[in-house]
């Protein structure tokens, strides 16, 4: 989610009030009505005793969204593994994307880490430390089955849609295409459904989620996959090496023992080896 507007557009609407309240909570005494100690297994220092506090920005399915009143998704499940290793429970805080992309909420002690389908970029590395990549975010070309489009090359002269400010849109423009810009991933799908566009370029996992719906699968198909080199990582405050090591170990263990594959199939779709095991960037 390289500058995802889904994340960008909702920033203004998000309540800064919650962020303010969290700051207060983060600075209060270490007594958390429980264990009272902020040091977890492996000497990892936590901002709240007994909890691994995760900042995210909702919704971004299938990575994190509210289902049945509870925040769930691929990122949530992976960070639950980290919390389990540390002997604590994960606690999720919804915040504007800007707050943790810049490292602000991590530096202010509002959360221990951020998990939000976040693309690893050199620019972001200046403000936060990234975990090892845990997901290769390829883009997909989803086309109306009646459009006659069979590949990325077949988009010339056709009406194409993309989500504003995303790498998918950038990629299309870099190849000389002029996509119609949609505000959110929901709007992109709606544009395709209503015939405003004949095909769209968007994150592959988002498309996989759409195609789980039979009506979508009957009408649309993936005609191409584009590797834009994007990889997702979790972030911690700069210099928080112990927590970073714990996150990397949990990702590595999950890949080794089959848990990663199981979670991938649960949240994203058919297991794709290339997406699951990105080369170290």
Protein backbone atom coordinates (compact mmCIF):
# COMPACT_ATOMS: atom_id res chain seq x y z
CA UNK A 1 0.00 0.00 0.00
CA UNK A 2 2.27 2.61 -1.26
CA UNK A 3 0.48 5.83 -0.36
CA UNK A 4 -2.88 4.10 -0.37
CA UNK A 5 -5.59 6.68 -0.61
CA UNK A 6 -7.77 4.22 1.17
CA UNK A 7 -5.45 5.07 3.99
CA UNK A 8 -4.81 8.60 2.86
CA UNK A 9 -8.36 9.77 2.25
CA UNK A 10 -9.70 8.57 5.54
CA UNK A 11 -6.99 10.33 7.52
CA UNK A 12 -8.97 13.55 7.61
CA UNK A 13 -12.07 11.80 8.82
CA UNK A 14 -10.27 9.81 11.49
CA UNK A 15 -10.69 11.20 14.96
CA UNK A 16 -7.56 12.66 16.40
CA UNK A 17 -9.35 12.50 19.72
CA UNK A 18 -8.60 8.80 20.04
CA UNK A 19 -4.93 9.41 19.34
CA UNK A 20 -4.89 12.03 22.08
CA UNK A 21 -6.52 9.73 24.59
CA UNK A 22 -4.07 7.00 23.77
CA UNK A 23 -1.16 9.28 24.47
CA UNK A 24 -2.46 9.81 27.97
CA UNK A 25 -2.98 6.09 28.45
CA UNK A 26 0.52 5.41 27.18
CA UNK A 27 2.06 7.75 29.74
CA UNK A 28 0.19 6.57 32.81
CA UNK A 29 1.63 4.24 35.43
CA UNK A 30 2.90 0.82 34.46
CA UNK A 31 0.13 -0.83 36.41
CA UNK A 32 -2.19 -2.27 33.79
CA UNK A 33 -4.49 -4.04 36.18
CA UNK A 34 -2.51 -7.17 35.51
CA UNK A 35 1.08 -8.28 35.42
CA UNK A 36 2.37 -4.77 36.10
CA UNK A 37 5.65 -5.37 34.27
CA UNK A 38 6.38 -3.84 30.90
CA UNK A 39 9.16 -6.28 30.11
CA UNK A 40 8.05 -9.30 28.10
CA UNK A 41 9.89 -12.48 27.09
CA UNK A 42 13.31 -11.86 25.51
CA UNK A 43 13.67 -8.54 27.33
CA UNK A 44 11.25 -6.79 24.96
CA UNK A 45 10.06 -3.51 26.50
CA UNK A 46 6.35 -2.82 25.91
CA UNK A 47 4.44 0.46 26.12
CA UNK A 48 1.67 -1.22 28.16
CA UNK A 49 2.15 -4.07 30.60
CA UNK A 50 0.84 -7.42 29.44
CA UNK A 51 -0.01 -6.16 25.95
CA UNK A 52 1.59 -5.91 22.54
CA UNK A 53 0.02 -2.67 21.29
CA UNK A 54 -0.41 -2.49 17.50
CA UNK A 55 -1.24 0.68 15.57
CA UNK A 56 -3.20 0.17 12.35
CA UNK A 57 -5.56 2.06 10.07
CA UNK A 58 -8.91 0.45 9.34
CA UNK A 59 -10.21 -0.97 7.14
CA UNK A 60 -7.77 -2.65 4.75
CA UNK A 61 -9.10 -6.15 4.07
CA UNK A 62 -7.83 -8.84 3.94
CA UNK A 63 -4.99 -7.53 6.16
CA UNK A 64 -7.11 -5.90 8.85
CA UNK A 65 -10.77 -5.05 9.12
CA UNK A 66 -13.54 -5.28 11.67
CA UNK A 67 -15.46 -8.55 11.41
CA UNK A 68 -18.17 -9.35 13.96
CA UNK A 69 -17.04 -6.46 16.15
CA UNK A 70 -13.44 -7.69 16.29
CA UNK A 71 -10.42 -6.53 14.26
CA UNK A 72 -9.22 -9.51 12.22
CA UNK A 73 -7.11 -10.26 9.16
CA UNK A 74 -3.78 -11.55 7.86
CA UNK A 75 -1.65 -8.92 9.62
CA UNK A 76 -3.61 -9.37 12.86
CA UNK A 77 -3.06 -13.14 12.80
CA UNK A 78 0.69 -12.78 12.17
CA UNK A 79 1.13 -10.25 15.00
CA UNK A 80 -0.90 -12.55 17.30
CA UNK A 81 1.96 -15.04 16.81
CA UNK A 82 4.47 -12.42 17.97
CA UNK A 83 2.32 -11.63 21.03
CA UNK A 84 2.07 -15.33 21.86
CA UNK A 85 5.87 -15.69 21.73
CA UNK A 86 6.16 -12.73 24.10
CA UNK A 87 3.58 -14.18 26.47
CA UNK A 88 1.14 -11.27 26.06
CA UNK A 89 -2.06 -10.41 24.14
CA UNK A 90 -2.25 -8.15 21.11
CA UNK A 91 -4.15 -4.88 21.59
CA UNK A 92 -5.11 -3.00 18.39
CA UNK A 93 -5.37 0.78 18.10
CA UNK A 94 -6.97 2.42 15.03
CA UNK A 95 -5.15 5.60 13.95
CA UNK A 96 -4.67 7.83 10.91
CA UNK A 97 -2.05 6.21 8.63
CA UNK A 98 0.15 9.33 8.75
CA UNK A 99 0.57 8.95 12.53
CA UNK A 100 2.62 5.78 12.36
CA UNK A 101 3.98 6.01 8.80
CA UNK A 102 6.06 8.94 10.06
CA UNK A 103 6.96 7.07 13.25
CA UNK A 104 5.07 9.64 15.35
CA UNK A 105 2.84 7.31 17.36
CA UNK A 106 5.69 4.82 17.85
CA UNK A 107 7.98 7.58 19.15
CA UNK A 108 5.22 8.90 21.42
CA UNK A 109 4.79 5.49 23.05
CA UNK A 110 1.25 4.99 21.74
CA UNK A 111 2.08 1.60 20.26
CA UNK A 112 4.87 -0.96 20.10
CA UNK A 113 4.56 -1.61 16.38
CA UNK A 114 2.47 -0.77 13.34
CA UNK A 115 0.84 -3.36 11.07
CA UNK A 116 -1.15 -1.95 8.17
CA UNK A 117 -0.30 -3.63 4.88
CA UNK A 118 2.54 -1.13 4.68
CA UNK A 119 4.92 -1.03 1.73
CA UNK A 120 8.60 -0.90 2.63
CA UNK A 121 10.17 2.21 1.07
CA UNK A 122 13.51 3.97 1.48
CA UNK A 123 11.67 7.14 2.43
CA UNK A 124 9.78 5.43 5.28
CA UNK A 125 12.95 3.72 6.52
CA UNK A 126 14.24 7.15 7.56
CA UNK A 127 11.53 7.32 10.25
CA UNK A 128 10.91 3.73 11.33
CA UNK A 129 12.59 0.32 11.34
CA UNK A 130 10.94 -2.34 9.14
CA UNK A 131 10.70 -6.05 9.80
CA UNK A 132 11.73 -8.55 7.15
CA UNK A 133 9.23 -8.46 4.27
CA UNK A 134 6.27 -10.73 4.99
CA UNK A 135 4.29 -10.24 1.79
CA UNK A 136 4.98 -9.54 -1.89
CA UNK A 137 2.27 -7.14 -3.02
CA UNK A 138 1.90 -7.73 -6.73
CA UNK A 139 -0.74 -5.83 -8.73
CA UNK A 140 -3.41 -7.56 -10.78
CA UNK A 141 -5.27 -6.59 -13.94
CA UNK A 142 -8.91 -7.54 -13.39
CA UNK A 143 -11.02 -7.35 -16.54
CA UNK A 144 -14.66 -7.73 -17.49
CA UNK A 145 -14.96 -11.13 -19.20
CA UNK A 146 -16.89 -9.50 -22.07
CA UNK A 147 -14.18 -6.87 -22.70
CA UNK A 148 -11.91 -9.03 -24.83
CA UNK A 149 -8.92 -7.91 -22.73
CA UNK A 150 -6.48 -10.80 -22.25
CA UNK A 151 -3.39 -9.15 -20.77
CA UNK A 152 -1.83 -5.86 -19.66
CA UNK A 153 -0.89 -5.19 -23.30
CA UNK A 154 -4.57 -5.46 -24.24
CA UNK A 155 -5.47 -2.40 -22.13
CA UNK A 156 -4.46 0.08 -24.86
CA UNK A 157 -7.52 1.95 -26.07
CA UNK A 158 -9.72 0.43 -23.35
CA UNK A 159 -11.22 2.17 -20.32
CA UNK A 160 -9.01 1.39 -17.32
CA UNK A 161 -9.55 2.19 -13.65
CA UNK A 162 -7.16 2.40 -10.68
CA UNK A 163 -7.18 3.56 -7.08
CA UNK A 164 -5.91 7.15 -6.76
CA UNK A 165 -2.36 7.67 -5.43
CA UNK A 166 -1.44 3.97 -5.51
CA UNK A 167 1.47 2.16 -7.13
CA UNK A 168 -1.06 0.52 -9.49
CA UNK A 169 -2.06 3.92 -10.82
CA UNK A 170 1.61 5.01 -11.04
CA UNK A 171 2.49 1.85 -12.95
CA UNK A 172 -0.33 2.33 -15.47
CA UNK A 173 0.71 5.95 -16.10
CA UNK A 174 4.36 4.98 -16.45
CA UNK A 175 3.30 2.65 -19.28
CA UNK A 176 1.49 5.48 -21.09
CA UNK A 177 -2.04 4.59 -19.97
CA UNK A 178 -4.51 7.12 -18.59
CA UNK A 179 -6.56 5.35 -15.91
CA UNK A 180 -9.76 6.72 -14.39
CA UNK A 181 -8.98 7.50 -10.73
CA UNK A 182 -11.22 6.09 -8.01
CA UNK A 183 -11.15 7.19 -4.38
CA UNK A 184 -11.19 3.75 -2.73
CA UNK A 185 -10.92 0.06 -3.58
CA UNK A 186 -14.72 -0.22 -3.18
CA UNK A 187 -15.20 2.57 -5.73
CA UNK A 188 -12.79 0.80 -8.14
CA UNK A 189 -14.87 -2.38 -8.01
CA UNK A 190 -18.08 -0.38 -8.41
CA UNK A 191 -16.64 1.33 -11.50
CA UNK A 192 -15.99 -2.07 -13.02
CA UNK A 193 -19.44 -3.41 -12.06
CA UNK A 194 -21.27 -0.43 -13.53
CA UNK A 195 -19.26 -0.43 -16.75
CA UNK A 196 -17.51 2.93 -16.18
CA UNK A 197 -14.30 1.00 -16.89
CA UNK A 198 -13.59 -2.35 -18.57
CA UNK A 199 -10.59 -3.30 -16.44
CA UNK A 200 -8.79 -2.19 -13.28
CA UNK A 201 -5.28 -2.40 -11.83
CA UNK A 202 -5.20 -2.94 -8.07
CA UNK A 203 -3.39 -4.95 -5.36
CA UNK A 204 -3.69 -8.67 -6.09
CA UNK A 205 -4.81 -9.66 -2.54
CA UNK A 206 -7.69 -7.16 -2.81
CA UNK A 207 -8.73 -8.83 -6.10
CA UNK A 208 -8.46 -12.28 -4.51
CA UNK A 209 -10.88 -11.11 -1.84
CA UNK A 210 -13.35 -9.84 -4.46
CA UNK A 211 -13.23 -13.07 -6.46
CA UNK A 212 -14.32 -15.11 -3.43
CA UNK A 213 -17.74 -13.65 -4.27
CA UNK A 214 -19.32 -15.83 -6.97
CA UNK A 215 -21.05 -12.91 -8.73
CA UNK A 216 -17.69 -11.17 -9.15
CA UNK A 217 -15.94 -14.36 -10.27
CA UNK A 218 -18.67 -14.96 -12.88
CA UNK A 219 -18.27 -11.48 -14.38
CA UNK A 220 -14.56 -10.68 -14.02
CA UNK A 221 -11.21 -12.44 -14.33
CA UNK A 222 -7.55 -11.76 -13.60
CA UNK A 223 -5.86 -11.44 -16.99
CA UNK A 224 -2.40 -10.39 -15.78
CA UNK A 225 -0.20 -10.06 -12.70
CA UNK A 226 2.28 -7.20 -12.46
CA UNK A 227 5.27 -7.34 -10.18
CA UNK A 228 5.89 -3.75 -9.09
CA UNK A 229 8.48 -4.84 -6.53
CA UNK A 230 6.36 -3.85 -3.53
CA UNK A 231 6.83 -5.69 -0.27
CA UNK A 232 4.96 -5.25 3.01
CA UNK A 233 6.69 -4.98 6.37
CA UNK A 234 5.75 -4.31 10.00
CA UNK A 235 7.34 -1.30 11.67
CA UNK A 236 8.79 -0.46 15.08
CA UNK A 237 10.36 2.65 16.57
CA UNK A 238 13.89 3.21 15.28
CA UNK A 239 16.37 1.24 17.37
CA UNK A 240 13.82 -1.16 18.92
CA UNK A 241 15.99 -4.15 17.97
CA UNK A 242 14.59 -6.65 20.49
CA UNK A 243 10.99 -6.32 19.29
CA UNK A 244 12.13 -6.33 15.67
CA UNK A 245 14.00 -9.60 16.27
CA UNK A 246 10.87 -11.10 17.88
CA UNK A 247 8.73 -10.10 14.88
CA UNK A 248 11.24 -11.51 12.38
CA UNK A 249 11.51 -14.77 14.32
CA UNK A 250 7.70 -15.18 14.40
CA UNK A 251 7.48 -14.62 10.61
CA UNK A 252 10.32 -17.08 9.99
CA UNK A 253 8.84 -19.73 12.32
CA UNK A 254 5.38 -19.36 10.75
CA UNK A 255 6.84 -19.93 7.29
CA UNK A 256 8.83 -22.94 8.49
CA UNK A 257 6.02 -24.74 10.33
CA UNK A 258 3.17 -24.19 7.85
CA UNK A 259 1.27 -21.60 9.93
CA UNK A 260 2.00 -18.84 7.40
CA UNK A 261 0.57 -20.94 4.54
CA UNK A 262 -2.55 -21.73 6.57
CA UNK A 263 -3.14 -18.05 7.45
CA UNK A 264 -2.45 -17.03 3.86
CA UNK A 265 -5.11 -19.43 2.58
CA UNK A 266 -7.56 -18.33 5.28
CA UNK A 267 -7.27 -14.60 4.62
CA UNK A 268 -5.91 -14.09 1.13
CA UNK A 269 -6.63 -17.05 -1.10
CA UNK A 270 -4.76 -19.82 -2.92
CA UNK A 271 -1.22 -19.96 -1.55
CA UNK A 272 1.24 -18.26 -3.85
CA UNK A 273 4.84 -19.21 -3.13
CA UNK A 274 6.24 -16.08 -4.79
CA UNK A 275 4.04 -13.76 -2.73
CA UNK A 276 4.77 -15.66 0.45
CA UNK A 277 8.53 -15.86 0.25
CA UNK A 278 9.77 -12.53 -1.05
CA UNK A 279 13.47 -12.23 -1.65
CA UNK A 280 15.11 -9.97 0.91
CA UNK A 281 14.97 -6.49 -0.54
